[in-house]
């Protein structure tokens, strides 16, 4: 899938407001949704996606890892929690929320 030209951001949107916003965006044809662990709205976004009836493979879903989860021993668990909240088994793009050189991190070897 290519990244859609337009998407909806969810910064500072909470509770029913984020559900309604994402639901409306999806109904209008938006297929990219941006969220982050720190926004505290991944579960509500998952609710809106599930209710939309749009197949997951038609969406481009981005989330961002919060700084406290950059450490090797927290990274994978935090991503698994994001997937659970979003109600999906994958995201299309995962970003570190912002650079934090003092918090050295790396992907654990598999």
C-alpha atoms as a PDB file:
ATOM      1  CA  UNK A   1       0.000   0.000   0.000  1.00  0.00           C
ATOM      2  CA  UNK A   2       1.160   3.523  -0.686  1.00  0.00           C
ATOM      3  CA  UNK A   3       0.747   6.275   1.855  1.00  0.00           C
ATOM      4  CA  UNK A   4      -2.490   8.151   1.130  1.00  0.00           C
ATOM      5  CA  UNK A   5      -2.107  11.800   0.161  1.00  0.00           C
ATOM      6  CA  UNK A   6      -4.366  12.981   2.992  1.00  0.00           C
ATOM      7  CA  UNK A   7      -4.838  11.661   6.473  1.00  0.00           C
ATOM      8  CA  UNK A   8      -6.341  12.577   9.788  1.00  0.00           C
ATOM      9  CA  UNK A   9      -4.290  13.435  12.849  1.00  0.00           C
ATOM     10  CA  UNK A  10      -5.612  12.770  16.333  1.00  0.00           C
ATOM     11  CA  UNK A  11      -3.432  14.905  18.613  1.00  0.00           C
ATOM     12  CA  UNK A  12      -5.376  16.148  21.662  1.00  0.00           C
ATOM     13  CA  UNK A  13      -8.547  14.307  20.653  1.00  0.00           C
ATOM     14  CA  UNK A  14     -10.038  12.210  23.443  1.00  0.00           C
ATOM     15  CA  UNK A  15     -12.957   9.923  24.176  1.00  0.00           C
ATOM     16  CA  UNK A  16     -16.050  10.321  21.975  1.00  0.00           C
ATOM     17  CA  UNK A  17     -14.510  13.301  20.166  1.00  0.00           C
ATOM     18  CA  UNK A  18     -11.773  11.136  18.661  1.00  0.00           C
ATOM     19  CA  UNK A  19     -14.224   8.351  17.822  1.00  0.00           C
ATOM     20  CA  UNK A  20     -16.493  10.819  16.039  1.00  0.00           C
ATOM     21  CA  UNK A  21     -13.603  12.574  14.289  1.00  0.00           C
ATOM     22  CA  UNK A  22     -12.047   9.362  12.975  1.00  0.00           C
ATOM     23  CA  UNK A  23     -15.449   7.943  12.037  1.00  0.00           C
ATOM     24  CA  UNK A  24     -16.293  11.087  10.071  1.00  0.00           C
ATOM     25  CA  UNK A  25     -12.873  11.134   8.392  1.00  0.00           C
ATOM     26  CA  UNK A  26     -13.257   7.501   7.334  1.00  0.00           C
ATOM     27  CA  UNK A  27     -16.794   8.138   6.040  1.00  0.00           C
ATOM     28  CA  UNK A  28     -15.440  11.055   3.986  1.00  0.00           C
ATOM     29  CA  UNK A  29     -12.816   8.819   2.388  1.00  0.00           C
ATOM     30  CA  UNK A  30      -9.728   9.429   4.498  1.00  0.00           C
ATOM     31  CA  UNK A  31      -7.666   6.268   4.752  1.00  0.00           C
ATOM     32  CA  UNK A  32      -4.630   7.419   6.769  1.00  0.00           C
ATOM     33  CA  UNK A  33      -4.867   7.801  10.534  1.00  0.00           C
ATOM     34  CA  UNK A  34      -2.088   9.146  12.732  1.00  0.00           C
ATOM     35  CA  UNK A  35      -1.926   8.549  16.475  1.00  0.00           C
ATOM     36  CA  UNK A  36       0.659   8.056  19.208  1.00  0.00           C
ATOM     37  CA  UNK A  37       0.989   6.248  22.494  1.00  0.00           C
ATOM     38  CA  UNK A  38       1.152   9.540  24.395  1.00  0.00           C
ATOM     39  CA  UNK A  39      -2.119  10.786  22.866  1.00  0.00           C
ATOM     40  CA  UNK A  40      -4.013   8.241  24.972  1.00  0.00           C
ATOM     41  CA  UNK A  41      -6.543   7.597  22.209  1.00  0.00           C
ATOM     42  CA  UNK A  42      -5.394   4.419  20.477  1.00  0.00           C
ATOM     43  CA  UNK A  43      -8.268   2.353  21.919  1.00  0.00           C
ATOM     44  CA  UNK A  44     -10.887   4.856  20.746  1.00  0.00           C
ATOM     45  CA  UNK A  45      -9.315   4.920  17.286  1.00  0.00           C
ATOM     46  CA  UNK A  46      -9.509   1.134  17.245  1.00  0.00           C
ATOM     47  CA  UNK A  47     -13.202   1.407  18.124  1.00  0.00           C
ATOM     48  CA  UNK A  48     -13.831   3.834  15.254  1.00  0.00           C
ATOM     49  CA  UNK A  49     -11.928   1.656  12.784  1.00  0.00           C
ATOM     50  CA  UNK A  50     -13.831  -1.464  13.823  1.00  0.00           C
ATOM     51  CA  UNK A  51     -17.190   0.307  13.563  1.00  0.00           C
ATOM     52  CA  UNK A  52     -16.368   1.708  10.117  1.00  0.00           C
ATOM     53  CA  UNK A  53     -16.520  -1.658   8.380  1.00  0.00           C
ATOM     54  CA  UNK A  54     -13.551  -0.621   6.231  1.00  0.00           C
ATOM     55  CA  UNK A  55     -11.158  -3.545   5.729  1.00  0.00           C
ATOM     56  CA  UNK A  56      -7.929  -3.003   7.650  1.00  0.00           C
ATOM     57  CA  UNK A  57      -5.791  -3.461   4.539  1.00  0.00           C
ATOM     58  CA  UNK A  58      -7.443  -0.349   3.041  1.00  0.00           C
ATOM     59  CA  UNK A  59      -6.158   1.852   5.875  1.00  0.00           C
ATOM     60  CA  UNK A  60      -2.725   3.329   6.530  1.00  0.00           C
ATOM     61  CA  UNK A  61      -2.265   3.431  10.277  1.00  0.00           C
ATOM     62  CA  UNK A  62       0.611   5.234  11.995  1.00  0.00           C
ATOM     63  CA  UNK A  63       1.481   5.311  15.678  1.00  0.00           C
ATOM     64  CA  UNK A  64       4.434   6.699  17.552  1.00  0.00           C
ATOM     65  CA  UNK A  65       6.426   5.210  20.420  1.00  0.00           C
ATOM     66  CA  UNK A  66       6.601   7.459  23.458  1.00  0.00           C
ATOM     67  CA  UNK A  67      10.016   8.310  24.935  1.00  0.00           C
ATOM     68  CA  UNK A  68       9.578   6.227  28.093  1.00  0.00           C
ATOM     69  CA  UNK A  69       9.212   3.150  25.880  1.00  0.00           C
ATOM     70  CA  UNK A  70      12.395   3.604  23.839  1.00  0.00           C
ATOM     71  CA  UNK A  71      14.373   1.352  26.157  1.00  0.00           C
ATOM     72  CA  UNK A  72      15.128  -2.122  24.896  1.00  0.00           C
ATOM     73  CA  UNK A  73      13.154  -3.783  27.692  1.00  0.00           C
ATOM     74  CA  UNK A  74       9.970  -1.744  27.008  1.00  0.00           C
ATOM     75  CA  UNK A  75       9.844  -1.269  23.245  1.00  0.00           C
ATOM     76  CA  UNK A  76       8.234  -4.506  22.063  1.00  0.00           C
ATOM     77  CA  UNK A  77       5.721  -4.645  24.922  1.00  0.00           C
ATOM     78  CA  UNK A  78       4.654  -1.058  24.231  1.00  0.00           C
ATOM     79  CA  UNK A  79       4.146  -1.825  20.540  1.00  0.00           C
ATOM     80  CA  UNK A  80       2.122  -4.927  21.394  1.00  0.00           C
ATOM     81  CA  UNK A  81      -0.024  -2.799  23.700  1.00  0.00           C
ATOM     82  CA  UNK A  82      -0.576  -0.258  20.901  1.00  0.00           C
ATOM     83  CA  UNK A  83      -1.677  -3.055  18.562  1.00  0.00           C
ATOM     84  CA  UNK A  84      -4.067  -4.398  21.193  1.00  0.00           C
ATOM     85  CA  UNK A  85      -5.580  -0.971  21.773  1.00  0.00           C
ATOM     86  CA  UNK A  86      -5.876  -0.281  18.049  1.00  0.00           C
ATOM     87  CA  UNK A  87      -7.496  -3.689  17.528  1.00  0.00           C
ATOM     88  CA  UNK A  88      -5.134  -4.738  14.771  1.00  0.00           C
ATOM     89  CA  UNK A  89      -2.200  -7.062  14.298  1.00  0.00           C
ATOM     90  CA  UNK A  90      -0.076  -4.495  12.451  1.00  0.00           C
ATOM     91  CA  UNK A  91       0.473  -0.811  11.829  1.00  0.00           C
ATOM     92  CA  UNK A  92       1.789   0.524   8.562  1.00  0.00           C
ATOM     93  CA  UNK A  93       4.254   2.951  10.090  1.00  0.00           C
ATOM     94  CA  UNK A  94       5.798   3.141  13.535  1.00  0.00           C
ATOM     95  CA  UNK A  95       7.808   6.199  14.504  1.00  0.00           C
ATOM     96  CA  UNK A  96       9.766   7.176  17.562  1.00  0.00           C
ATOM     97  CA  UNK A  97       7.868  10.214  18.783  1.00  0.00           C
ATOM     98  CA  UNK A  98      10.933  12.404  18.763  1.00  0.00           C
ATOM     99  CA  UNK A  99      14.681  11.921  19.009  1.00  0.00           C
ATOM    100  CA  UNK A 100      15.976  11.407  22.520  1.00  0.00           C
ATOM    101  CA  UNK A 101      19.737  10.818  22.234  1.00  0.00           C
ATOM    102  CA  UNK A 102      20.085  10.452  25.991  1.00  0.00           C
ATOM    103  CA  UNK A 103      17.795   7.416  25.818  1.00  0.00           C
ATOM    104  CA  UNK A 104      19.865   5.055  23.694  1.00  0.00           C
ATOM    105  CA  UNK A 105      17.662   2.437  22.140  1.00  0.00           C
ATOM    106  CA  UNK A 106      17.761  -0.276  19.564  1.00  0.00           C
ATOM    107  CA  UNK A 107      15.434  -2.968  18.302  1.00  0.00           C
ATOM    108  CA  UNK A 108      15.976  -6.183  20.217  1.00  0.00           C
ATOM    109  CA  UNK A 109      17.338  -9.028  18.177  1.00  0.00           C
ATOM    110  CA  UNK A 110      14.805 -11.685  17.270  1.00  0.00           C
END
